[in-house]
Each structure stands twice: as structure tokens, then as C-alpha cells.
């Protein structure tokens, strides 16, 4: 779920009922624990906040996210290094 979808046109968090519907439409069960990630752990905070506003306190945020995973991964686990990476 892209983080901008949690905000309205003025940049504020959407109303709780809209957030609940967004989670439901995405197939997220707010009665179950779940984990959120992003590129660096910053934008995933919007998902965590939205779930918290909906009354879900069991969201885990992997704050290192994909950036940390990439730098810690063994070379054989790296699928792509991106266009800007030099060998």
C-alpha cells in the first residue's frame, strides 16, 4: 500500500473509516499482526500510523527496511543491485 494513499489532498491523514476501508480492500486483517517495510523505514511509518489510528497496535515496522537488508545480504541473495550500482 503506497504511503501517499493514506493522506488526503491537503497532506493530512485520511479519516479512520477511510483507512479501515483501505486496509479491508487491500486484504489486510487488522485483527492479525503484520509487518511493514519500505526502502529505508521512513514512509512505512504512514502505514503503521494508519493501522494504529484504526486501533491496531500489533504492527511491526522493520525500520532498516530494504536498504538494510541489501547491505547485510550475502552476495548470493542479492537479486539486483539497481542501475546506479557499479561492480
PDB file of N, CA and C in Angstrom:
ATOM      1  N   UNK A   1       0.847  -1.167   0.000  1.00  0.00           N
ATOM      2  CA  UNK A   1       0.000   0.000   0.000  1.00  0.00           C
ATOM      3  C   UNK A   1       0.897   1.236   0.000  1.00  0.00           C
ATOM      4  N   UNK A   2       0.864   2.036  -1.041  1.00  0.00           N
ATOM      5  CA  UNK A   2       1.725   3.212  -1.105  1.00  0.00           C
ATOM      6  C   UNK A   2       1.357   4.247  -0.046  1.00  0.00           C
ATOM      7  N   UNK A   3       2.365   4.784   0.605  1.00  0.00           N
ATOM      8  CA  UNK A   3       2.106   5.692   1.724  1.00  0.00           C
ATOM      9  C   UNK A   3       1.289   6.927   1.352  1.00  0.00           C
ATOM     10  N   UNK A   4       1.415   7.516   0.149  1.00  0.00           N
ATOM     11  CA  UNK A   4       0.603   8.709  -0.131  1.00  0.00           C
ATOM     12  C   UNK A   4      -0.906   8.430  -0.100  1.00  0.00           C
ATOM     13  N   UNK A   5      -1.289   7.176  -0.292  1.00  0.00           N
ATOM     14  CA  UNK A   5      -2.721   6.863  -0.294  1.00  0.00           C
ATOM     15  C   UNK A   5      -3.357   7.066   1.077  1.00  0.00           C
ATOM     16  N   UNK A   6      -2.556   7.129   2.126  1.00  0.00           N
ATOM     17  CA  UNK A   6      -3.079   7.322   3.473  1.00  0.00           C
ATOM     18  C   UNK A   6      -3.361   8.795   3.788  1.00  0.00           C
ATOM     19  N   UNK A   7      -2.951   9.678   2.873  1.00  0.00           N
ATOM     20  CA  UNK A   7      -3.130  11.113   3.106  1.00  0.00           C
ATOM     21  C   UNK A   7      -4.166  11.686   2.149  1.00  0.00           C
ATOM     22  N   UNK A   8      -4.871  12.713   2.611  1.00  0.00           N
ATOM     23  CA  UNK A   8      -5.824  13.393   1.736  1.00  0.00           C
ATOM     24  C   UNK A   8      -5.081  14.442   0.903  1.00  0.00           C
ATOM     25  N   UNK A   9      -5.818  15.199   0.099  1.00  0.00           N
ATOM     26  CA  UNK A   9      -5.184  16.163  -0.810  1.00  0.00           C
ATOM     27  C   UNK A   9      -4.453  17.294  -0.088  1.00  0.00           C
ATOM     28  N   UNK A  10      -4.780  17.516   1.188  1.00  0.00           N
ATOM     29  CA  UNK A  10      -4.079  18.561   1.942  1.00  0.00           C
ATOM     30  C   UNK A  10      -2.867  18.016   2.696  1.00  0.00           C
ATOM     31  N   UNK A  11      -2.607  16.708   2.564  1.00  0.00           N
ATOM     32  CA  UNK A  11      -1.451  16.106   3.222  1.00  0.00           C
ATOM     33  C   UNK A  11      -1.729  15.591   4.615  1.00  0.00           C
ATOM     34  N   UNK A  12      -2.993  15.620   5.033  1.00  0.00           N
ATOM     35  CA  UNK A  12      -3.365  15.107   6.355  1.00  0.00           C
ATOM     36  C   UNK A  12      -3.788  13.646   6.252  1.00  0.00           C
ATOM     37  N   UNK A  13      -3.686  12.942   7.365  1.00  0.00           N
ATOM     38  CA  UNK A  13      -4.109  11.545   7.406  1.00  0.00           C
ATOM     39  C   UNK A  13      -5.610  11.468   7.113  1.00  0.00           C
ATOM     40  N   UNK A  14      -5.998  10.472   6.328  1.00  0.00           N
ATOM     41  CA  UNK A  14      -7.417  10.292   5.990  1.00  0.00           C
ATOM     42  C   UNK A  14      -8.218   9.922   7.238  1.00  0.00           C
ATOM     43  N   UNK A  15      -9.539  10.107   7.207  1.00  0.00           N
ATOM     44  CA  UNK A  15     -10.377   9.700   8.341  1.00  0.00           C
ATOM     45  C   UNK A  15     -10.269   8.194   8.598  1.00  0.00           C
ATOM     46  N   UNK A  16     -10.444   7.811   9.842  1.00  0.00           N
ATOM     47  CA  UNK A  16     -10.276   6.413  10.256  1.00  0.00           C
ATOM     48  C   UNK A  16     -11.146   5.466   9.439  1.00  0.00           C
ATOM     49  N   UNK A  17     -12.380   5.823   9.161  1.00  0.00           N
ATOM     50  CA  UNK A  17     -13.253   4.928   8.386  1.00  0.00           C
ATOM     51  C   UNK A  17     -12.691   4.683   6.989  1.00  0.00           C
ATOM     52  N   UNK A  18     -12.122   5.697   6.369  1.00  0.00           N
ATOM     53  CA  UNK A  18     -11.487   5.525   5.057  1.00  0.00           C
ATOM     54  C   UNK A  18     -10.269   4.619   5.175  1.00  0.00           C
ATOM     55  N   UNK A  19      -9.487   4.813   6.225  1.00  0.00           N
ATOM     56  CA  UNK A  19      -8.297   3.980   6.427  1.00  0.00           C
ATOM     57  C   UNK A  19      -8.698   2.515   6.597  1.00  0.00           C
ATOM     58  N   UNK A  20      -9.728   2.268   7.400  1.00  0.00           N
ATOM     59  CA  UNK A  20     -10.197   0.886   7.600  1.00  0.00           C
ATOM     60  C   UNK A  20     -10.613   0.259   6.274  1.00  0.00           C
ATOM     61  N   UNK A  21     -11.327   1.020   5.467  1.00  0.00           N
ATOM     62  CA  UNK A  21     -11.768   0.511   4.169  1.00  0.00           C
ATOM     63  C   UNK A  21     -10.576   0.234   3.260  1.00  0.00           C
ATOM     64  N   UNK A  22      -9.567   1.071   3.312  1.00  0.00           N
ATOM     65  CA  UNK A  22      -8.366   0.847   2.501  1.00  0.00           C
ATOM     66  C   UNK A  22      -7.685  -0.460   2.899  1.00  0.00           C
ATOM     67  N   UNK A  23      -7.542  -0.684   4.201  1.00  0.00           N
ATOM     68  CA  UNK A  23      -6.936  -1.937   4.660  1.00  0.00           C
ATOM     69  C   UNK A  23      -7.787  -3.129   4.226  1.00  0.00           C
ATOM     70  N   UNK A  24      -9.120  -3.015   4.396  1.00  0.00           N
ATOM     71  CA  UNK A  24     -10.011  -4.106   4.021  1.00  0.00           C
ATOM     72  C   UNK A  24      -9.882  -4.413   2.531  1.00  0.00           C
ATOM     73  N   UNK A  25      -9.900  -3.370   1.695  1.00  0.00           N
ATOM     74  CA  UNK A  25      -9.797  -3.544   0.245  1.00  0.00           C
ATOM     75  C   UNK A  25      -8.469  -4.179  -0.168  1.00  0.00           C
ATOM     76  N   UNK A  26      -7.429  -3.927   0.611  1.00  0.00           N
ATOM     77  CA  UNK A  26      -6.105  -4.500   0.321  1.00  0.00           C
ATOM     78  C   UNK A  26      -5.950  -5.908   0.895  1.00  0.00           C
ATOM     79  N   UNK A  27      -6.975  -6.386   1.605  1.00  0.00           N
ATOM     80  CA  UNK A  27      -6.915  -7.730   2.174  1.00  0.00           C
ATOM     81  C   UNK A  27      -6.156  -7.815   3.481  1.00  0.00           C
ATOM     82  N   UNK A  28      -5.971  -6.687   4.144  1.00  0.00           N
ATOM     83  CA  UNK A  28      -5.247  -6.664   5.416  1.00  0.00           C
ATOM     84  C   UNK A  28      -6.241  -6.864   6.557  1.00  0.00           C
ATOM     85  N   UNK A  29      -6.005  -7.884   7.368  1.00  0.00           N
ATOM     86  CA  UNK A  29      -6.844  -8.168   8.527  1.00  0.00           C
ATOM     87  C   UNK A  29      -6.268  -7.425   9.725  1.00  0.00           C
ATOM     88  N   UNK A  30      -6.950  -6.391  10.156  1.00  0.00           N
ATOM     89  CA  UNK A  30      -6.455  -5.580  11.270  1.00  0.00           C
ATOM     90  C   UNK A  30      -6.563  -6.293  12.613  1.00  0.00           C
ATOM     91  N   UNK A  31      -7.082  -7.513  12.611  1.00  0.00           N
ATOM     92  CA  UNK A  31      -7.129  -8.306  13.839  1.00  0.00           C
ATOM     93  C   UNK A  31      -5.883  -9.185  13.977  1.00  0.00           C
ATOM     94  N   UNK A  32      -5.055  -9.192  12.949  1.00  0.00           N
ATOM     95  CA  UNK A  32      -3.846 -10.021  12.933  1.00  0.00           C
ATOM     96  C   UNK A  32      -2.603  -9.136  12.939  1.00  0.00           C
ATOM     97  N   UNK A  33      -1.508  -9.631  13.528  1.00  0.00           N
ATOM     98  CA  UNK A  33      -0.252  -8.866  13.452  1.00  0.00           C
ATOM     99  C   UNK A  33       0.250  -8.817  12.008  1.00  0.00           C
ATOM    100  N   UNK A  34       0.924  -7.753  11.650  1.00  0.00           N
ATOM    101  CA  UNK A  34       1.565  -7.697  10.341  1.00  0.00           C
ATOM    102  C   UNK A  34       2.774  -6.778  10.397  1.00  0.00           C
ATOM    103  N   UNK A  35       3.614  -6.878   9.369  1.00  0.00           N
ATOM    104  CA  UNK A  35       4.870  -6.144   9.297  1.00  0.00           C
ATOM    105  C   UNK A  35       4.825  -5.208   8.114  1.00  0.00           C
ATOM    106  N   UNK A  36       5.464  -4.064   8.252  1.00  0.00           N
ATOM    107  CA  UNK A  36       5.546  -3.114   7.150  1.00  0.00           C
ATOM    108  C   UNK A  36       7.014  -2.786   6.874  1.00  0.00           C
ATOM    109  N   UNK A  37       7.301  -2.563   5.602  1.00  0.00           N
ATOM    110  CA  UNK A  37       8.653  -2.195   5.177  1.00  0.00           C
ATOM    111  C   UNK A  37       8.540  -1.144   4.078  1.00  0.00           C
ATOM    112  N   UNK A  38       9.655  -0.566   3.745  1.00  0.00           N
ATOM    113  CA  UNK A  38       9.746   0.333   2.589  1.00  0.00           C
ATOM    114  C   UNK A  38      11.221   0.374   2.212  1.00  0.00           C
ATOM    115  N   UNK A  39      11.643   1.404   1.538  1.00  0.00           N
ATOM    116  CA  UNK A  39      13.037   1.480   1.134  1.00  0.00           C
ATOM    117  C   UNK A  39      13.997   1.742   2.276  1.00  0.00           C
ATOM    118  N   UNK A  40      13.590   2.602   3.220  1.00  0.00           N
ATOM    119  CA  UNK A  40      14.500   2.958   4.310  1.00  0.00           C
ATOM    120  C   UNK A  40      13.853   2.958   5.689  1.00  0.00           C
ATOM    121  N   UNK A  41      12.560   2.663   5.778  1.00  0.00           N
ATOM    122  CA  UNK A  41      11.875   2.625   7.067  1.00  0.00           C
ATOM    123  C   UNK A  41      11.119   3.893   7.401  1.00  0.00           C
ATOM    124  N   UNK A  42      11.192   4.899   6.538  1.00  0.00           N
ATOM    125  CA  UNK A  42      10.545   6.175   6.829  1.00  0.00           C
ATOM    126  C   UNK A  42       9.090   6.185   6.349  1.00  0.00           C
ATOM    127  N   UNK A  43       8.862   5.907   5.073  1.00  0.00           N
ATOM    128  CA  UNK A  43       7.499   6.004   4.547  1.00  0.00           C
ATOM    129  C   UNK A  43       6.583   4.909   5.081  1.00  0.00           C
ATOM    130  N   UNK A  44       7.140   3.795   5.514  1.00  0.00           N
ATOM    131  CA  UNK A  44       6.315   2.736   6.106  1.00  0.00           C
ATOM    132  C   UNK A  44       5.676   3.195   7.412  1.00  0.00           C
ATOM    133  N   UNK A  45       6.193   4.263   7.989  1.00  0.00           N
ATOM    134  CA  UNK A  45       5.593   4.814   9.214  1.00  0.00           C
ATOM    135  C   UNK A  45       4.158   5.263   8.974  1.00  0.00           C
ATOM    136  N   UNK A  46       3.827   5.687   7.750  1.00  0.00           N
ATOM    137  CA  UNK A  46       2.451   6.082   7.444  1.00  0.00           C
ATOM    138  C   UNK A  46       1.507   4.894   7.580  1.00  0.00           C
ATOM    139  N   UNK A  47       1.937   3.726   7.138  1.00  0.00           N
ATOM    140  CA  UNK A  47       1.113   2.521   7.263  1.00  0.00           C
ATOM    141  C   UNK A  47       0.945   2.172   8.738  1.00  0.00           C
ATOM    142  N   UNK A  48       2.030   2.260   9.486  1.00  0.00           N
ATOM    143  CA  UNK A  48       1.986   1.973  10.924  1.00  0.00           C
ATOM    144  C   UNK A  48       1.046   2.934  11.637  1.00  0.00           C
ATOM    145  N   UNK A  49       1.145   4.222  11.328  1.00  0.00           N
ATOM    146  CA  UNK A  49       0.265   5.213  11.936  1.00  0.00           C
ATOM    147  C   UNK A  49      -1.195   4.946  11.575  1.00  0.00           C
ATOM    148  N   UNK A  50      -1.462   4.664  10.312  1.00  0.00           N
ATOM    149  CA  UNK A  50      -2.838   4.408   9.877  1.00  0.00           C
ATOM    150  C   UNK A  50      -3.427   3.214  10.623  1.00  0.00           C
ATOM    151  N   UNK A  51      -2.658   2.144  10.751  1.00  0.00           N
ATOM    152  CA  UNK A  51      -3.141   0.965  11.480  1.00  0.00           C
ATOM    153  C   UNK A  51      -3.385   1.305  12.945  1.00  0.00           C
ATOM    154  N   UNK A  52      -2.488   2.076  13.531  1.00  0.00           N
ATOM    155  CA  UNK A  52      -2.647   2.486  14.931  1.00  0.00           C
ATOM    156  C   UNK A  52      -3.927   3.313  15.112  1.00  0.00           C
ATOM    157  N   UNK A  53      -4.182   4.233  14.193  1.00  0.00           N
ATOM    158  CA  UNK A  53      -5.394   5.048  14.265  1.00  0.00           C
ATOM    159  C   UNK A  53      -6.653   4.191  14.154  1.00  0.00           C
ATOM    160  N   UNK A  54      -6.530   3.056  13.458  1.00  0.00           N
ATOM    161  CA  UNK A  54      -7.658   2.126  13.313  1.00  0.00           C
ATOM    162  C   UNK A  54      -7.780   1.192  14.511  1.00  0.00           C
ATOM    163  N   UNK A  55      -6.926   1.377  15.512  1.00  0.00           N
ATOM    164  CA  UNK A  55      -6.997   0.566  16.724  1.00  0.00           C
ATOM    165  C   UNK A  55      -6.119  -0.662  16.719  1.00  0.00           C
ATOM    166  N   UNK A  56      -5.248  -0.797  15.725  1.00  0.00           N
ATOM    167  CA  UNK A  56      -4.360  -1.959  15.631  1.00  0.00           C
ATOM    168  C   UNK A  56      -3.011  -1.602  16.247  1.00  0.00           C
ATOM    169  N   UNK A  57      -2.678  -2.273  17.325  1.00  0.00           N
ATOM    170  CA  UNK A  57      -1.410  -1.957  17.994  1.00  0.00           C
ATOM    171  C   UNK A  57      -0.326  -2.986  17.703  1.00  0.00           C
ATOM    172  N   UNK A  58      -0.612  -3.969  16.863  1.00  0.00           N
ATOM    173  CA  UNK A  58       0.348  -5.046  16.623  1.00  0.00           C
ATOM    174  C   UNK A  58       1.121  -4.944  15.329  1.00  0.00           C
ATOM    175  N   UNK A  59       1.349  -3.739  14.833  1.00  0.00           N
ATOM    176  CA  UNK A  59       2.104  -3.579  13.591  1.00  0.00           C
ATOM    177  C   UNK A  59       3.585  -3.499  13.912  1.00  0.00           C
ATOM    178  N   UNK A  60       4.371  -4.255  13.187  1.00  0.00           N
ATOM    179  CA  UNK A  60       5.829  -4.223  13.363  1.00  0.00           C
ATOM    180  C   UNK A  60       6.437  -3.498  12.169  1.00  0.00           C
ATOM    181  N   UNK A  61       7.267  -2.531  12.439  1.00  0.00           N
ATOM    182  CA  UNK A  61       7.946  -1.771  11.394  1.00  0.00           C
ATOM    183  C   UNK A  61       9.405  -2.198  11.352  1.00  0.00           C
ATOM    184  N   UNK A  62       9.823  -2.724  10.208  1.00  0.00           N
ATOM    185  CA  UNK A  62      11.235  -3.055  10.018  1.00  0.00           C
ATOM    186  C   UNK A  62      11.912  -1.761   9.583  1.00  0.00           C
ATOM    187  N   UNK A  63      12.477  -1.037  10.550  1.00  0.00           N
ATOM    188  CA  UNK A  63      12.996   0.301  10.265  1.00  0.00           C
ATOM    189  C   UNK A  63      14.218   0.312   9.360  1.00  0.00           C
ATOM    190  N   UNK A  64      14.940  -0.769   9.276  1.00  0.00           N
ATOM    191  CA  UNK A  64      16.062  -0.825   8.341  1.00  0.00           C
ATOM    192  C   UNK A  64      15.588  -1.029   6.917  1.00  0.00           C
ATOM    193  N   UNK A  65      14.466  -1.678   6.795  1.00  0.00           N
ATOM    194  CA  UNK A  65      13.793  -1.972   5.543  1.00  0.00           C
ATOM    195  C   UNK A  65      14.736  -2.526   4.479  1.00  0.00           C
ATOM    196  N   UNK A  66      14.389  -2.290   3.214  1.00  0.00           N
ATOM    197  CA  UNK A  66      15.136  -2.920   2.125  1.00  0.00           C
ATOM    198  C   UNK A  66      16.571  -2.413   2.023  1.00  0.00           C
ATOM    199  N   UNK A  67      16.821  -1.189   2.429  1.00  0.00           N
ATOM    200  CA  UNK A  67      18.199  -0.679   2.382  1.00  0.00           C
ATOM    201  C   UNK A  67      19.110  -1.492   3.287  1.00  0.00           C
ATOM    202  N   UNK A  68      18.671  -1.714   4.507  1.00  0.00           N
ATOM    203  CA  UNK A  68      19.476  -2.505   5.439  1.00  0.00           C
ATOM    204  C   UNK A  68      19.614  -3.938   4.954  1.00  0.00           C
ATOM    205  N   UNK A  69      18.524  -4.503   4.489  1.00  0.00           N
ATOM    206  CA  UNK A  69      18.560  -5.885   4.015  1.00  0.00           C
ATOM    207  C   UNK A  69      19.601  -6.031   2.911  1.00  0.00           C
ATOM    208  N   UNK A  70      19.612  -5.087   1.964  1.00  0.00           N
ATOM    209  CA  UNK A  70      20.556  -5.154   0.855  1.00  0.00           C
ATOM    210  C   UNK A  70      21.997  -5.126   1.350  1.00  0.00           C
ATOM    211  N   UNK A  71      22.306  -4.228   2.271  1.00  0.00           N
ATOM    212  CA  UNK A  71      23.684  -4.094   2.732  1.00  0.00           C
ATOM    213  C   UNK A  71      24.127  -5.246   3.619  1.00  0.00           C
ATOM    214  N   UNK A  72      23.178  -5.947   4.245  1.00  0.00           N
ATOM    215  CA  UNK A  72      23.526  -7.092   5.088  1.00  0.00           C
ATOM    216  C   UNK A  72      23.455  -8.424   4.350  1.00  0.00           C
ATOM    217  N   UNK A  73      22.828  -8.431   3.185  1.00  0.00           N
ATOM    218  CA  UNK A  73      22.597  -9.682   2.463  1.00  0.00           C
ATOM    219  C   UNK A  73      23.904 -10.290   1.965  1.00  0.00           C
ATOM    220  N   UNK A  74      23.934 -11.603   1.998  1.00  0.00           N
ATOM    221  CA  UNK A  74      25.057 -12.323   1.396  1.00  0.00           C
ATOM    222  C   UNK A  74      24.985 -12.117  -0.116  1.00  0.00           C
ATOM    223  N   UNK A  75      26.127 -12.049  -0.796  1.00  0.00           N
ATOM    224  CA  UNK A  75      26.126 -11.782  -2.243  1.00  0.00           C
ATOM    225  C   UNK A  75      25.206 -12.712  -3.037  1.00  0.00           C
ATOM    226  N   UNK A  76      25.105 -13.961  -2.630  1.00  0.00           N
ATOM    227  CA  UNK A  76      24.258 -14.903  -3.380  1.00  0.00           C
ATOM    228  C   UNK A  76      22.763 -14.633  -3.204  1.00  0.00           C
ATOM    229  N   UNK A  77      22.402 -13.779  -2.242  1.00  0.00           N
ATOM    230  CA  UNK A  77      20.991 -13.448  -2.032  1.00  0.00           C
ATOM    231  C   UNK A  77      20.574 -12.146  -2.711  1.00  0.00           C
ATOM    232  N   UNK A  78      21.523 -11.429  -3.283  1.00  0.00           N
ATOM    233  CA  UNK A  78      21.207 -10.166  -3.953  1.00  0.00           C
ATOM    234  C   UNK A  78      20.758 -10.469  -5.373  1.00  0.00           C
ATOM    235  N   UNK A  79      19.527 -10.076  -5.680  1.00  0.00           N
ATOM    236  CA  UNK A  79      18.964 -10.345  -6.998  1.00  0.00           C
ATOM    237  C   UNK A  79      19.348  -9.241  -7.973  1.00  0.00           C
ATOM    238  N   UNK A  80      19.245  -7.990  -7.542  1.00  0.00           N
ATOM    239  CA  UNK A  80      19.558  -6.857  -8.399  1.00  0.00           C
ATOM    240  C   UNK A  80      20.197  -5.765  -7.554  1.00  0.00           C
ATOM    241  N   UNK A  81      21.199  -5.138  -8.093  1.00  0.00           N
ATOM    242  CA  UNK A  81      21.866  -4.063  -7.372  1.00  0.00           C
ATOM    243  C   UNK A  81      21.422  -2.694  -7.853  1.00  0.00           C
ATOM    244  N   UNK A  82      20.470  -2.619  -8.733  1.00  0.00           N
ATOM    245  CA  UNK A  82      19.985  -1.332  -9.215  1.00  0.00           C
ATOM    246  C   UNK A  82      20.864  -0.765 -10.317  1.00  0.00           C
ATOM    247  N   UNK A  83      20.338   0.199 -11.034  1.00  0.00           N
ATOM    248  CA  UNK A  83      21.040   0.776 -12.179  1.00  0.00           C
ATOM    249  C   UNK A  83      22.247   1.604 -11.781  1.00  0.00           C
ATOM    250  N   UNK A  84      22.222   2.236 -10.620  1.00  0.00           N
ATOM    251  CA  UNK A  84      23.309   3.118 -10.222  1.00  0.00           C
ATOM    252  C   UNK A  84      24.489   2.416  -9.585  1.00  0.00           C
ATOM    253  N   UNK A  85      24.378   1.146  -9.298  1.00  0.00           N
ATOM    254  CA  UNK A  85      25.435   0.397  -8.616  1.00  0.00           C
ATOM    255  C   UNK A  85      26.545   0.025  -9.598  1.00  0.00           C
ATOM    256  N   UNK A  86      27.780   0.209  -9.207  1.00  0.00           N
ATOM    257  CA  UNK A  86      28.928  -0.172 -10.030  1.00  0.00           C
ATOM    258  C   UNK A  86      29.547  -1.440  -9.455  1.00  0.00           C
ATOM    259  N   UNK A  87      30.014  -2.365 -10.314  1.00  0.00           N
ATOM    260  CA  UNK A  87      30.626  -3.620  -9.800  1.00  0.00           C
ATOM    261  C   UNK A  87      31.902  -3.380  -9.030  1.00  0.00           C
TER     262      UNK A  87
END
